[in-house]
Amino acid sequence: MKPPRVPEETDPRATLRGGLPDRYLTPDDIAELFDVPKETVYQWRKKRTGPPGFRIGKHIRYDPVAVSNWTAKRMAEDAAA
């Protein structure tokens, strides 16, 4: 009998390409997704220029739908320019 398959860690970029993840994203996920330093993610939040995040206690989380919408908006603005 085969042992049960252990799910592998997923790459947030691949997850968003294939569909939305079933969890909220962390600043680390956002940094990896957009291939930027985590400090950039925090600066985006401070300047309110990045994807909208929210706090759960002391932790910042990002709704994958909001991140996807933010990305689509940025792409549309870039295409119009």
Foldseek 3Di string as FASTA:
>chain_A
DDDDDDDDDDQLLVCVVVNFDPDWAFLVSVCSNVVHDSVVVVVCQVVVNAQDWDDDDPGITHHRVSNVVSVVVVVVVVVVD
